[in-house]
Amino acid sequence: DQSELEKFEAIIDSGEYTGSVKDLINLTQNLDCFEFYSGITSDEEL
């Protein structure tokens, strides 16, 4: 869904599990290993 896709985009932007298509495929099925807070983009907001 849209929120999961946004989390996926944020994770690959962080550089985790981006070494191969295999990594990316596995990441789509392990999104619960990450926490994501949409719209939080600075230390102050955090």
PDB file of all heavy atoms in Angstrom:
ATOM      1  N   ASP A   1       0.852  -1.189   0.000  1.00  0.00           N
ATOM      2  CA  ASP A   1       0.000   0.000   0.000  1.00  0.00           C
ATOM      3  C   ASP A   1       0.889   1.241   0.000  1.00  0.00           C
ATOM      4  O   ASP A   1       2.130   1.142   0.057  1.00  0.00           O
ATOM      5  CB  ASP A   1      -0.981  -0.010   1.175  1.00  0.00           C
ATOM      6  CG  ASP A   1      -0.287   0.000   2.538  1.00  0.00           C
ATOM      7  OD1 ASP A   1       0.834   0.549   2.648  1.00  0.00           O
ATOM      8  OD2 ASP A   1      -0.855  -0.550   3.508  1.00  0.00           O
ATOM      9  N   GLN A   2       0.291   2.417  -0.045  1.00  0.00           N
ATOM     10  CA  GLN A   2       1.067   3.644  -0.209  1.00  0.00           C
ATOM     11  C   GLN A   2       2.034   3.884   0.943  1.00  0.00           C
ATOM     12  O   GLN A   2       3.188   4.284   0.734  1.00  0.00           O
ATOM     13  CB  GLN A   2       0.128   4.851  -0.360  1.00  0.00           C
ATOM     14  CG  GLN A   2       0.834   6.161  -0.690  1.00  0.00           C
ATOM     15  CD  GLN A   2       1.623   6.094  -1.993  1.00  0.00           C
ATOM     16  OE1 GLN A   2       1.204   5.462  -2.954  1.00  0.00           O
ATOM     17  NE2 GLN A   2       2.779   6.744  -2.020  1.00  0.00           N
ATOM     18  N   SER A   3       1.594   3.633   2.167  1.00  0.00           N
ATOM     19  CA  SER A   3       2.471   3.859   3.320  1.00  0.00           C
ATOM     20  C   SER A   3       3.645   2.880   3.314  1.00  0.00           C
ATOM     21  O   SER A   3       4.774   3.249   3.673  1.00  0.00           O
ATOM     22  CB  SER A   3       1.682   3.725   4.630  1.00  0.00           C
ATOM     23  OG  SER A   3       1.163   2.414   4.783  1.00  0.00           O
ATOM     24  N   GLU A   4       3.399   1.643   2.899  1.00  0.00           N
ATOM     25  CA  GLU A   4       4.484   0.658   2.822  1.00  0.00           C
ATOM     26  C   GLU A   4       5.466   1.029   1.721  1.00  0.00           C
ATOM     27  O   GLU A   4       6.686   0.859   1.877  1.00  0.00           O
ATOM     28  CB  GLU A   4       3.905  -0.727   2.566  1.00  0.00           C
ATOM     29  CG  GLU A   4       3.146  -1.310   3.742  1.00  0.00           C
ATOM     30  CD  GLU A   4       2.411  -2.589   3.387  1.00  0.00           C
ATOM     31  OE1 GLU A   4       1.954  -2.720   2.218  1.00  0.00           O
ATOM     32  OE2 GLU A   4       2.287  -3.452   4.269  1.00  0.00           O
ATOM     33  N   LEU A   5       4.956   1.550   0.608  1.00  0.00           N
ATOM     34  CA  LEU A   5       5.826   1.963  -0.482  1.00  0.00           C
ATOM     35  C   LEU A   5       6.702   3.137  -0.058  1.00  0.00           C
ATOM     36  O   LEU A   5       7.889   3.204  -0.389  1.00  0.00           O
ATOM     37  CB  LEU A   5       4.980   2.334  -1.703  1.00  0.00           C
ATOM     38  CG  LEU A   5       5.711   2.433  -3.052  1.00  0.00           C
ATOM     39  CD1 LEU A   5       6.457   1.150  -3.376  1.00  0.00           C
ATOM     40  CD2 LEU A   5       4.725   2.762  -4.155  1.00  0.00           C
ATOM     41  N   GLU A   6       6.137   4.072   0.709  1.00  0.00           N
ATOM     42  CA  GLU A   6       6.916   5.201   1.220  1.00  0.00           C
ATOM     43  C   GLU A   6       8.008   4.713   2.169  1.00  0.00           C
ATOM     44  O   GLU A   6       9.133   5.232   2.152  1.00  0.00           O
ATOM     45  CB  GLU A   6       6.005   6.193   1.934  1.00  0.00           C
ATOM     46  CG  GLU A   6       5.100   6.981   0.996  1.00  0.00           C
ATOM     47  CD  GLU A   6       4.168   7.908   1.750  1.00  0.00           C
ATOM     48  OE1 GLU A   6       4.234   7.939   3.002  1.00  0.00           O
ATOM     49  OE2 GLU A   6       3.358   8.593   1.090  1.00  0.00           O
ATOM     50  N   LYS A   7       7.693   3.721   2.991  1.00  0.00           N
ATOM     51  CA  LYS A   7       8.701   3.147   3.890  1.00  0.00           C
ATOM     52  C   LYS A   7       9.815   2.485   3.082  1.00  0.00           C
ATOM     53  O   LYS A   7      11.003   2.667   3.377  1.00  0.00           O
ATOM     54  CB  LYS A   7       8.070   2.133   4.845  1.00  0.00           C
ATOM     55  CG  LYS A   7       9.081   1.510   5.801  1.00  0.00           C
ATOM     56  CD  LYS A   7       8.506   0.325   6.565  1.00  0.00           C
ATOM     57  CE  LYS A   7       7.665   0.763   7.748  1.00  0.00           C
ATOM     58  NZ  LYS A   7       7.369  -0.395   8.655  1.00  0.00           N
ATOM     59  N   PHE A   8       9.438   1.733   2.053  1.00  0.00           N
ATOM     60  CA  PHE A   8      10.424   1.087   1.182  1.00  0.00           C
ATOM     61  C   PHE A   8      11.359   2.127   0.573  1.00  0.00           C
ATOM     62  O   PHE A   8      12.588   1.951   0.563  1.00  0.00           O
ATOM     63  CB  PHE A   8       9.703   0.301   0.083  1.00  0.00           C
ATOM     64  CG  PHE A   8      10.619  -0.365  -0.913  1.00  0.00           C
ATOM     65  CD1 PHE A   8      11.162  -1.611  -0.664  1.00  0.00           C
ATOM     66  CD2 PHE A   8      10.933   0.270  -2.113  1.00  0.00           C
ATOM     67  CE1 PHE A   8      12.004  -2.232  -1.583  1.00  0.00           C
ATOM     68  CE2 PHE A   8      11.773  -0.325  -3.040  1.00  0.00           C
ATOM     69  CZ  PHE A   8      12.314  -1.583  -2.779  1.00  0.00           C
ATOM     70  N   GLU A   9      10.800   3.224   0.074  1.00  0.00           N
ATOM     71  CA  GLU A   9      11.612   4.290  -0.528  1.00  0.00           C
ATOM     72  C   GLU A   9      12.572   4.885   0.492  1.00  0.00           C
ATOM     73  O   GLU A   9      13.733   5.176   0.178  1.00  0.00           O
ATOM     74  CB  GLU A   9      10.699   5.377  -1.093  1.00  0.00           C
ATOM     75  CG  GLU A   9       9.888   4.932  -2.302  1.00  0.00           C
ATOM     76  CD  GLU A   9       8.886   5.980  -2.742  1.00  0.00           C
ATOM     77  OE1 GLU A   9       8.481   6.821  -1.898  1.00  0.00           O
ATOM     78  OE2 GLU A   9       8.494   5.973  -3.925  1.00  0.00           O
ATOM     79  N   ALA A  10      12.100   5.076   1.732  1.00  0.00           N
ATOM     80  CA  ALA A  10      12.940   5.655   2.766  1.00  0.00           C
ATOM     81  C   ALA A  10      14.090   4.718   3.129  1.00  0.00           C
ATOM     82  O   ALA A  10      15.232   5.160   3.339  1.00  0.00           O
ATOM     83  CB  ALA A  10      12.106   5.965   4.011  1.00  0.00           C
ATOM     84  N   ILE A  11      13.800   3.426   3.188  1.00  0.00           N
ATOM     85  CA  ILE A  11      14.844   2.450   3.549  1.00  0.00           C
ATOM     86  C   ILE A  11      15.927   2.404   2.480  1.00  0.00           C
ATOM     87  O   ILE A  11      17.128   2.419   2.806  1.00  0.00           O
ATOM     88  CB  ILE A  11      14.228   1.055   3.754  1.00  0.00           C
ATOM     89  CG1 ILE A  11      13.250   1.057   4.926  1.00  0.00           C
ATOM     90  CG2 ILE A  11      15.332   0.026   4.017  1.00  0.00           C
ATOM     91  CD1 ILE A  11      12.381  -0.185   5.001  1.00  0.00           C
ATOM     92  N   ILE A  12      15.541   2.349   1.199  1.00  0.00           N
ATOM     93  CA  ILE A  12      16.571   2.281   0.161  1.00  0.00           C
ATOM     94  C   ILE A  12      17.332   3.599   0.070  1.00  0.00           C
ATOM     95  O   ILE A  12      18.501   3.615  -0.300  1.00  0.00           O
ATOM     96  CB  ILE A  12      16.002   1.856  -1.214  1.00  0.00           C
ATOM     97  CG1 ILE A  12      14.996   2.869  -1.756  1.00  0.00           C
ATOM     98  CG2 ILE A  12      15.394   0.472  -1.146  1.00  0.00           C
ATOM     99  CD1 ILE A  12      14.555   2.548  -3.189  1.00  0.00           C
ATOM    100  N   ASP A  13      16.687   4.712   0.459  1.00  0.00           N
ATOM    101  CA  ASP A  13      17.407   5.988   0.505  1.00  0.00           C
ATOM    102  C   ASP A  13      18.483   5.954   1.588  1.00  0.00           C
ATOM    103  O   ASP A  13      19.528   6.595   1.448  1.00  0.00           O
ATOM    104  CB  ASP A  13      16.433   7.141   0.767  1.00  0.00           C
ATOM    105  CG  ASP A  13      17.101   8.500   0.644  1.00  0.00           C
ATOM    106  OD1 ASP A  13      17.309   8.949  -0.501  1.00  0.00           O
ATOM    107  OD2 ASP A  13      17.436   9.106   1.692  1.00  0.00           O
ATOM    108  N   SER A  14      18.236   5.178   2.644  1.00  0.00           N
ATOM    109  CA  SER A  14      19.226   5.057   3.717  1.00  0.00           C
ATOM    110  C   SER A  14      20.383   4.153   3.319  1.00  0.00           C
ATOM    111  O   SER A  14      21.407   4.101   4.006  1.00  0.00           O
ATOM    112  CB  SER A  14      18.567   4.498   4.986  1.00  0.00           C
ATOM    113  OG  SER A  14      18.299   3.106   4.859  1.00  0.00           O
ATOM    114  N   GLY A  15      20.223   3.403   2.221  1.00  0.00           N
ATOM    115  CA  GLY A  15      21.293   2.560   1.717  1.00  0.00           C
ATOM    116  C   GLY A  15      21.248   1.127   2.195  1.00  0.00           C
ATOM    117  O   GLY A  15      22.133   0.322   1.848  1.00  0.00           O
ATOM    118  N   GLU A  16      20.225   0.749   2.960  1.00  0.00           N
ATOM    119  CA  GLU A  16      20.137  -0.627   3.450  1.00  0.00           C
ATOM    120  C   GLU A  16      19.452  -1.526   2.417  1.00  0.00           C
ATOM    121  O   GLU A  16      18.458  -1.142   1.802  1.00  0.00           O
ATOM    122  CB  GLU A  16      19.379  -0.681   4.772  1.00  0.00           C
ATOM    123  CG  GLU A  16      20.110   0.013   5.924  1.00  0.00           C
ATOM    124  CD  GLU A  16      19.753  -0.594   7.267  1.00  0.00           C
ATOM    125  OE1 GLU A  16      19.821  -1.826   7.407  1.00  0.00           O
ATOM    126  OE2 GLU A  16      19.402   0.185   8.173  1.00  0.00           O
ATOM    127  N   TYR A  17      20.008  -2.714   2.258  1.00  0.00           N
ATOM    128  CA  TYR A  17      19.453  -3.749   1.369  1.00  0.00           C
ATOM    129  C   TYR A  17      19.260  -3.238  -0.057  1.00  0.00           C
ATOM    130  O   TYR A  17      18.207  -3.405  -0.669  1.00  0.00           O
ATOM    131  CB  TYR A  17      18.142  -4.284   1.944  1.00  0.00           C
ATOM    132  CG  TYR A  17      18.335  -4.930   3.290  1.00  0.00           C
ATOM    133  CD1 TYR A  17      18.033  -4.244   4.463  1.00  0.00           C
ATOM    134  CD2 TYR A  17      18.854  -6.220   3.392  1.00  0.00           C
ATOM    135  CE1 TYR A  17      18.252  -4.831   5.718  1.00  0.00           C
ATOM    136  CE2 TYR A  17      19.070  -6.805   4.636  1.00  0.00           C
ATOM    137  CZ  TYR A  17      18.761  -6.105   5.783  1.00  0.00           C
ATOM    138  OH  TYR A  17      18.979  -6.691   7.011  1.00  0.00           O
ATOM    139  N   THR A  18      20.308  -2.621  -0.579  1.00  0.00           N
ATOM    140  CA  THR A  18      20.256  -2.087  -1.944  1.00  0.00           C
ATOM    141  C   THR A  18      21.366  -2.656  -2.826  1.00  0.00           C
ATOM    142  O   THR A  18      21.578  -2.171  -3.923  1.00  0.00           O
ATOM    143  CB  THR A  18      20.377  -0.547  -1.929  1.00  0.00           C
ATOM    144  OG1 THR A  18      21.631  -0.187  -1.307  1.00  0.00           O
ATOM    145  CG2 THR A  18      19.237   0.093  -1.169  1.00  0.00           C
ATOM    146  N   GLY A  19      22.074  -3.682  -2.352  1.00  0.00           N
ATOM    147  CA  GLY A  19      23.226  -4.187  -3.084  1.00  0.00           C
ATOM    148  C   GLY A  19      22.893  -4.974  -4.331  1.00  0.00           C
ATOM    149  O   GLY A  19      23.749  -5.157  -5.198  1.00  0.00           O
ATOM    150  N   SER A  20      21.663  -5.460  -4.433  1.00  0.00           N
ATOM    151  CA  SER A  20      21.274  -6.281  -5.584  1.00  0.00           C
ATOM    152  C   SER A  20      19.756  -6.332  -5.661  1.00  0.00           C
ATOM    153  O   SER A  20      19.057  -5.949  -4.718  1.00  0.00           O
ATOM    154  CB  SER A  20      21.838  -7.703  -5.432  1.00  0.00           C
ATOM    155  OG  SER A  20      21.253  -8.342  -4.299  1.00  0.00           O
ATOM    156  N   VAL A  21      19.248  -6.845  -6.775  1.00  0.00           N
ATOM    157  CA  VAL A  21      17.803  -7.047  -6.897  1.00  0.00           C
ATOM    158  C   VAL A  21      17.335  -8.052  -5.848  1.00  0.00           C
ATOM    159  O   VAL A  21      16.241  -7.932  -5.294  1.00  0.00           O
ATOM    160  CB  VAL A  21      17.432  -7.514  -8.318  1.00  0.00           C
ATOM    161  CG1 VAL A  21      15.948  -7.857  -8.401  1.00  0.00           C
ATOM    162  CG2 VAL A  21      17.760  -6.437  -9.338  1.00  0.00           C
ATOM    163  N   LYS A  22      18.179  -9.035  -5.552  1.00  0.00           N
ATOM    164  CA  LYS A  22      17.860 -10.005  -4.495  1.00  0.00           C
ATOM    165  C   LYS A  22      17.612  -9.290  -3.165  1.00  0.00           C
ATOM    166  O   LYS A  22      16.633  -9.581  -2.463  1.00  0.00           O
ATOM    167  CB  LYS A  22      19.008 -11.008  -4.350  1.00  0.00           C
ATOM    168  CG  LYS A  22      18.849 -11.966  -3.180  1.00  0.00           C
ATOM    169  CD  LYS A  22      20.101 -12.832  -3.012  1.00  0.00           C
ATOM    170  CE  LYS A  22      20.042 -13.639  -1.729  1.00  0.00           C
ATOM    171  NZ  LYS A  22      21.280 -14.439  -1.510  1.00  0.00           N
ATOM    172  N   ASP A  23      18.473  -8.350  -2.805  1.00  0.00           N
ATOM    173  CA  ASP A  23      18.287  -7.575  -1.570  1.00  0.00           C
ATOM    174  C   ASP A  23      16.968  -6.808  -1.596  1.00  0.00           C
ATOM    175  O   ASP A  23      16.226  -6.786  -0.613  1.00  0.00           O
ATOM    176  CB  ASP A  23      19.439  -6.579  -1.384  1.00  0.00           C
ATOM    177  CG  ASP A  23      20.739  -7.247  -0.971  1.00  0.00           C
ATOM    178  OD1 ASP A  23      20.691  -8.418  -0.541  1.00  0.00           O
ATOM    179  OD2 ASP A  23      21.792  -6.601  -1.091  1.00  0.00           O
ATOM    180  N   LEU A  24      16.686  -6.173  -2.716  1.00  0.00           N
ATOM    181  CA  LEU A  24      15.470  -5.364  -2.835  1.00  0.00           C
ATOM    182  C   LEU A  24      14.223  -6.238  -2.732  1.00  0.00           C
ATOM    183  O   LEU A  24      13.227  -5.846  -2.110  1.00  0.00           O
ATOM    184  CB  LEU A  24      15.482  -4.609  -4.163  1.00  0.00           C
ATOM    185  CG  LEU A  24      16.578  -3.545  -4.309  1.00  0.00           C
ATOM    186  CD1 LEU A  24      16.706  -3.100  -5.768  1.00  0.00           C
ATOM    187  CD2 LEU A  24      16.279  -2.340  -3.421  1.00  0.00           C
ATOM    188  N   ILE A  25      14.276  -7.423  -3.340  1.00  0.00           N
ATOM    189  CA  ILE A  25      13.147  -8.350  -3.265  1.00  0.00           C
ATOM    190  C   ILE A  25      12.898  -8.762  -1.818  1.00  0.00           C
ATOM    191  O   ILE A  25      11.761  -8.745  -1.327  1.00  0.00           O
ATOM    192  CB  ILE A  25      13.404  -9.589  -4.155  1.00  0.00           C
ATOM    193  CG1 ILE A  25      13.287  -9.217  -5.639  1.00  0.00           C
ATOM    194  CG2 ILE A  25      12.424 -10.714  -3.813  1.00  0.00           C
ATOM    195  CD1 ILE A  25      13.720 -10.313  -6.585  1.00  0.00           C
ATOM    196  N   ASN A  26      13.968  -9.118  -1.116  1.00  0.00           N
ATOM    197  CA  ASN A  26      13.818  -9.510   0.284  1.00  0.00           C
ATOM    198  C   ASN A  26      13.347  -8.352   1.155  1.00  0.00           C
ATOM    199  O   ASN A  26      12.587  -8.555   2.107  1.00  0.00           O
ATOM    200  CB  ASN A  26      15.137 -10.081   0.811  1.00  0.00           C
ATOM    201  CG  ASN A  26      15.345 -11.523   0.421  1.00  0.00           C
ATOM    202  OD1 ASN A  26      14.495 -12.374   0.673  1.00  0.00           O
ATOM    203  ND2 ASN A  26      16.467 -11.824  -0.206  1.00  0.00           N
ATOM    204  N   LEU A  27      13.779  -7.145   0.826  1.00  0.00           N
ATOM    205  CA  LEU A  27      13.357  -5.987   1.606  1.00  0.00           C
ATOM    206  C   LEU A  27      11.844  -5.791   1.538  1.00  0.00           C
ATOM    207  O   LEU A  27      11.210  -5.455   2.552  1.00  0.00           O
ATOM    208  CB  LEU A  27      14.074  -4.728   1.096  1.00  0.00           C
ATOM    209  CG  LEU A  27      13.687  -3.418   1.776  1.00  0.00           C
ATOM    210  CD1 LEU A  27      13.937  -3.483   3.285  1.00  0.00           C
ATOM    211  CD2 LEU A  27      14.456  -2.251   1.152  1.00  0.00           C
ATOM    212  N   THR A  28      11.246  -6.004   0.379  1.00  0.00           N
ATOM    213  CA  THR A  28       9.788  -5.810   0.252  1.00  0.00           C
ATOM    214  C   THR A  28       9.018  -6.702   1.216  1.00  0.00           C
ATOM    215  O   THR A  28       7.886  -6.383   1.593  1.00  0.00           O
ATOM    216  CB  THR A  28       9.300  -6.111  -1.184  1.00  0.00           C
ATOM    217  OG1 THR A  28       9.500  -7.500  -1.485  1.00  0.00           O
ATOM    218  CG2 THR A  28      10.018  -5.254  -2.204  1.00  0.00           C
ATOM    219  N   GLN A  29       9.625  -7.815   1.633  1.00  0.00           N
ATOM    220  CA  GLN A  29       8.954  -8.775   2.505  1.00  0.00           C
ATOM    221  C   GLN A  29       9.425  -8.685   3.957  1.00  0.00           C
ATOM    222  O   GLN A  29       9.073  -9.531   4.782  1.00  0.00           O
ATOM    223  CB  GLN A  29       9.194 -10.193   1.961  1.00  0.00           C
ATOM    224  CG  GLN A  29       8.676 -10.365   0.529  1.00  0.00           C
ATOM    225  CD  GLN A  29       9.124 -11.673  -0.104  1.00  0.00           C
ATOM    226  OE1 GLN A  29       8.474 -12.700   0.048  1.00  0.00           O
ATOM    227  NE2 GLN A  29      10.236 -11.643  -0.809  1.00  0.00           N
ATOM    228  N   ASN A  30      10.220  -7.644   4.255  1.00  0.00           N
ATOM    229  CA  ASN A  30      10.742  -7.468   5.614  1.00  0.00           C
ATOM    230  C   ASN A  30      10.601  -6.021   6.092  1.00  0.00           C
ATOM    231  O   ASN A  30      11.400  -5.549   6.902  1.00  0.00           O
ATOM    232  CB  ASN A  30      12.215  -7.879   5.669  1.00  0.00           C
ATOM    233  CG  ASN A  30      12.414  -9.379   5.653  1.00  0.00           C
ATOM    234  OD1 ASN A  30      12.350 -10.044   6.692  1.00  0.00           O
ATOM    235  ND2 ASN A  30      12.650  -9.925   4.466  1.00  0.00           N
ATOM    236  N   LEU A  31       9.596  -5.338   5.612  1.00  0.00           N
ATOM    237  CA  LEU A  31       9.424  -3.933   5.982  1.00  0.00           C
ATOM    238  C   LEU A  31       9.129  -3.754   7.466  1.00  0.00           C
ATOM    239  O   LEU A  31       9.374  -2.676   8.019  1.00  0.00           O
ATOM    240  CB  LEU A  31       8.298  -3.308   5.148  1.00  0.00           C
ATOM    241  CG  LEU A  31       8.561  -3.210   3.636  1.00  0.00           C
ATOM    242  CD1 LEU A  31       7.368  -2.578   2.937  1.00  0.00           C
ATOM    243  CD2 LEU A  31       9.830  -2.418   3.347  1.00  0.00           C
ATOM    244  N   ASP A  32       8.634  -4.814   8.121  1.00  0.00           N
ATOM    245  CA  ASP A  32       8.347  -4.702   9.551  1.00  0.00           C
ATOM    246  C   ASP A  32       9.625  -4.664  10.388  1.00  0.00           C
ATOM    247  O   ASP A  32       9.559  -4.471  11.611  1.00  0.00           O
ATOM    248  CB  ASP A  32       7.449  -5.852  10.013  1.00  0.00           C
ATOM    249  CG  ASP A  32       8.028  -7.218   9.697  1.00  0.00           C
ATOM    250  OD1 ASP A  32       9.014  -7.295   8.930  1.00  0.00           O
ATOM    251  OD2 ASP A  32       7.494  -8.223  10.215  1.00  0.00           O
ATOM    252  N   CYS A  33      10.778  -4.814   9.756  1.00  0.00           N
ATOM    253  CA  CYS A  33      12.062  -4.693  10.461  1.00  0.00           C
ATOM    254  C   CYS A  33      12.479  -3.238  10.619  1.00  0.00           C
ATOM    255  O   CYS A  33      13.535  -2.953  11.196  1.00  0.00           O
ATOM    256  CB  CYS A  33      13.153  -5.448   9.711  1.00  0.00           C
ATOM    257  SG  CYS A  33      12.923  -7.238   9.681  1.00  0.00           S
ATOM    258  N   PHE A  34      11.660  -2.325  10.112  1.00  0.00           N
ATOM    259  CA  PHE A  34      11.987  -0.902  10.156  1.00  0.00           C
ATOM    260  C   PHE A  34      10.795  -0.111  10.692  1.00  0.00           C
ATOM    261  O   PHE A  34       9.646  -0.512  10.524  1.00  0.00           O
ATOM    262  CB  PHE A  34      12.346  -0.385   8.757  1.00  0.00           C
ATOM    263  CG  PHE A  34      13.592  -1.009   8.179  1.00  0.00           C
ATOM    264  CD1 PHE A  34      13.532  -2.231   7.540  1.00  0.00           C
ATOM    265  CD2 PHE A  34      14.815  -0.378   8.291  1.00  0.00           C
ATOM    266  CE1 PHE A  34      14.671  -2.820   7.011  1.00  0.00           C
ATOM    267  CE2 PHE A  34      15.961  -0.955   7.768  1.00  0.00           C
ATOM    268  CZ  PHE A  34      15.887  -2.183   7.127  1.00  0.00           C
ATOM    269  N   GLU A  35      11.118   1.018  11.343  1.00  0.00           N
ATOM    270  CA  GLU A  35      10.093   1.975  11.755  1.00  0.00           C
ATOM    271  C   GLU A  35      10.204   3.192  10.852  1.00  0.00           C
ATOM    272  O   GLU A  35      11.315   3.617  10.494  1.00  0.00           O
ATOM    273  CB  GLU A  35      10.282   2.400  13.208  1.00  0.00           C
ATOM    274  CG  GLU A  35      10.263   1.252  14.203  1.00  0.00           C
ATOM    275  CD  GLU A  35       8.965   0.485  14.212  1.00  0.00           C
ATOM    276  OE1 GLU A  35       7.905   1.104  13.963  1.00  0.00           O
ATOM    277  OE2 GLU A  35       9.000  -0.731  14.450  1.00  0.00           O
ATOM    278  N   PHE A  36       9.067   3.742  10.472  1.00  0.00           N
ATOM    279  CA  PHE A  36       9.060   4.885   9.561  1.00  0.00           C
ATOM    280  C   PHE A  36       8.031   5.904  10.022  1.00  0.00           C
ATOM    281  O   PHE A  36       6.877   5.549  10.298  1.00  0.00           O
ATOM    282  CB  PHE A  36       8.725   4.420   8.139  1.00  0.00           C
ATOM    283  CG  PHE A  36       8.570   5.535   7.151  1.00  0.00           C
ATOM    284  CD1 PHE A  36       9.639   6.345   6.805  1.00  0.00           C
ATOM    285  CD2 PHE A  36       7.334   5.787   6.559  1.00  0.00           C
ATOM    286  CE1 PHE A  36       9.485   7.378   5.894  1.00  0.00           C
ATOM    287  CE2 PHE A  36       7.173   6.806   5.651  1.00  0.00           C
ATOM    288  CZ  PHE A  36       8.254   7.608   5.312  1.00  0.00           C
ATOM    289  N   TYR A  37       8.475   7.154  10.122  1.00  0.00           N
ATOM    290  CA  TYR A  37       7.585   8.246  10.524  1.00  0.00           C
ATOM    291  C   TYR A  37       7.515   9.245   9.380  1.00  0.00           C
ATOM    292  O   TYR A  37       8.456  10.011   9.133  1.00  0.00           O
ATOM    293  CB  TYR A  37       8.094   8.916  11.806  1.00  0.00           C
ATOM    294  CG  TYR A  37       8.222   7.942  12.949  1.00  0.00           C
ATOM    295  CD1 TYR A  37       9.447   7.743  13.600  1.00  0.00           C
ATOM    296  CD2 TYR A  37       7.129   7.180  13.383  1.00  0.00           C
ATOM    297  CE1 TYR A  37       9.573   6.840  14.641  1.00  0.00           C
ATOM    298  CE2 TYR A  37       7.249   6.272  14.417  1.00  0.00           C
ATOM    299  CZ  TYR A  37       8.470   6.101  15.039  1.00  0.00           C
ATOM    300  OH  TYR A  37       8.584   5.186  16.066  1.00  0.00           O
ATOM    301  N   SER A  38       6.406   9.203   8.664  1.00  0.00           N
ATOM    302  CA  SER A  38       6.224  10.027   7.480  1.00  0.00           C
ATOM    303  C   SER A  38       6.220  11.511   7.840  1.00  0.00           C
ATOM    304  O   SER A  38       5.630  11.924   8.840  1.00  0.00           O
ATOM    305  CB  SER A  38       4.900   9.669   6.796  1.00  0.00           C
ATOM    306  OG  SER A  38       4.685  10.455   5.655  1.00  0.00           O
ATOM    307  N   GLY A  39       6.902  12.311   7.020  1.00  0.00           N
ATOM    308  CA  GLY A  39       6.897  13.759   7.193  1.00  0.00           C
ATOM    309  C   GLY A  39       7.893  14.300   8.196  1.00  0.00           C
ATOM    310  O   GLY A  39       8.042  15.517   8.315  1.00  0.00           O
ATOM    311  N   ILE A  40       8.579  13.450   8.928  1.00  0.00           N
ATOM    312  CA  ILE A  40       9.584  13.896   9.897  1.00  0.00           C
ATOM    313  C   ILE A  40      10.921  13.993   9.175  1.00  0.00           C
ATOM    314  O   ILE A  40      11.505  12.969   8.795  1.00  0.00           O
ATOM    315  CB  ILE A  40       9.687  12.922  11.091  1.00  0.00           C
ATOM    316  CG1 ILE A  40       8.341  12.772  11.784  1.00  0.00           C
ATOM    317  CG2 ILE A  40      10.760  13.381  12.069  1.00  0.00           C
ATOM    318  CD1 ILE A  40       7.798  14.041  12.388  1.00  0.00           C
ATOM    319  N   THR A  41      11.400  15.224   8.981  1.00  0.00           N
ATOM    320  CA  THR A  41      12.590  15.413   8.141  1.00  0.00           C
ATOM    321  C   THR A  41      13.686  16.233   8.805  1.00  0.00           C
ATOM    322  O   THR A  41      14.617  16.665   8.141  1.00  0.00           O
ATOM    323  CB  THR A  41      12.194  16.096   6.822  1.00  0.00           C
ATOM    324  OG1 THR A  41      11.550  17.348   7.112  1.00  0.00           O
ATOM    325  CG2 THR A  41      11.247  15.217   6.005  1.00  0.00           C
ATOM    326  N   SER A  42      13.605  16.448  10.128  1.00  0.00           N
ATOM    327  CA  SER A  42      14.651  17.200  10.810  1.00  0.00           C
ATOM    328  C   SER A  42      14.763  16.726  12.259  1.00  0.00           C
ATOM    329  O   SER A  42      13.837  16.118  12.809  1.00  0.00           O
ATOM    330  CB  SER A  42      14.361  18.702  10.792  1.00  0.00           C
ATOM    331  OG  SER A  42      13.246  19.007  11.628  1.00  0.00           O
ATOM    332  N   ASP A  43      15.912  17.019  12.879  1.00  0.00           N
ATOM    333  CA  ASP A  43      16.117  16.639  14.277  1.00  0.00           C
ATOM    334  C   ASP A  43      15.097  17.312  15.182  1.00  0.00           C
ATOM    335  O   ASP A  43      14.615  16.705  16.150  1.00  0.00           O
ATOM    336  CB  ASP A  43      17.536  17.016  14.715  1.00  0.00           C
ATOM    337  CG  ASP A  43      18.596  16.099  14.117  1.00  0.00           C
ATOM    338  OD1 ASP A  43      18.282  14.926  13.847  1.00  0.00           O
ATOM    339  OD2 ASP A  43      19.734  16.558  13.918  1.00  0.00           O
ATOM    340  N   GLU A  44      14.763  18.559  14.893  1.00  0.00           N
ATOM    341  CA  GLU A  44      13.794  19.264  15.736  1.00  0.00           C
ATOM    342  C   GLU A  44      12.421  18.595  15.667  1.00  0.00           C
ATOM    343  O   GLU A  44      11.773  18.384  16.702  1.00  0.00           O
ATOM    344  CB  GLU A  44      13.677  20.726  15.312  1.00  0.00           C
ATOM    345  CG  GLU A  44      12.694  21.501  16.185  1.00  0.00           C
ATOM    346  CD  GLU A  44      12.571  22.958  15.795  1.00  0.00           C
ATOM    347  OE1 GLU A  44      13.289  23.402  14.881  1.00  0.00           O
ATOM    348  OE2 GLU A  44      11.739  23.654  16.408  1.00  0.00           O
ATOM    349  N   GLU A  45      11.976  18.265  14.470  1.00  0.00           N
ATOM    350  CA  GLU A  45      10.683  17.583  14.326  1.00  0.00           C
ATOM    351  C   GLU A  45      10.703  16.225  15.020  1.00  0.00           C
ATOM    352  O   GLU A  45       9.716  15.816  15.649  1.00  0.00           O
ATOM    353  CB  GLU A  45      10.349  17.408  12.842  1.00  0.00           C
ATOM    354  CG  GLU A  45      10.055  18.712  12.122  1.00  0.00           C
ATOM    355  CD  GLU A  45       9.870  18.523  10.626  1.00  0.00           C
ATOM    356  OE1 GLU A  45      10.284  17.461  10.096  1.00  0.00           O
ATOM    357  OE2 GLU A  45       9.318  19.418   9.981  1.00  0.00           O
ATOM    358  N   LEU A  46      11.828  15.541  14.919  1.00  0.00           N
ATOM    359  CA  LEU A  46      11.952  14.237  15.571  1.00  0.00           C
ATOM    360  C   LEU A  46      11.880  14.380  17.085  1.00  0.00           C
ATOM    361  O   LEU A  46      11.180  13.624  17.766  1.00  0.00           O
ATOM    362  CB  LEU A  46      13.274  13.579  15.160  1.00  0.00           C
ATOM    363  CG  LEU A  46      13.531  12.171  15.686  1.00  0.00           C
ATOM    364  CD1 LEU A  46      12.497  11.191  15.134  1.00  0.00           C
ATOM    365  CD2 LEU A  46      14.949  11.716  15.319  1.00  0.00           C
TER     366      LEU A  46
END
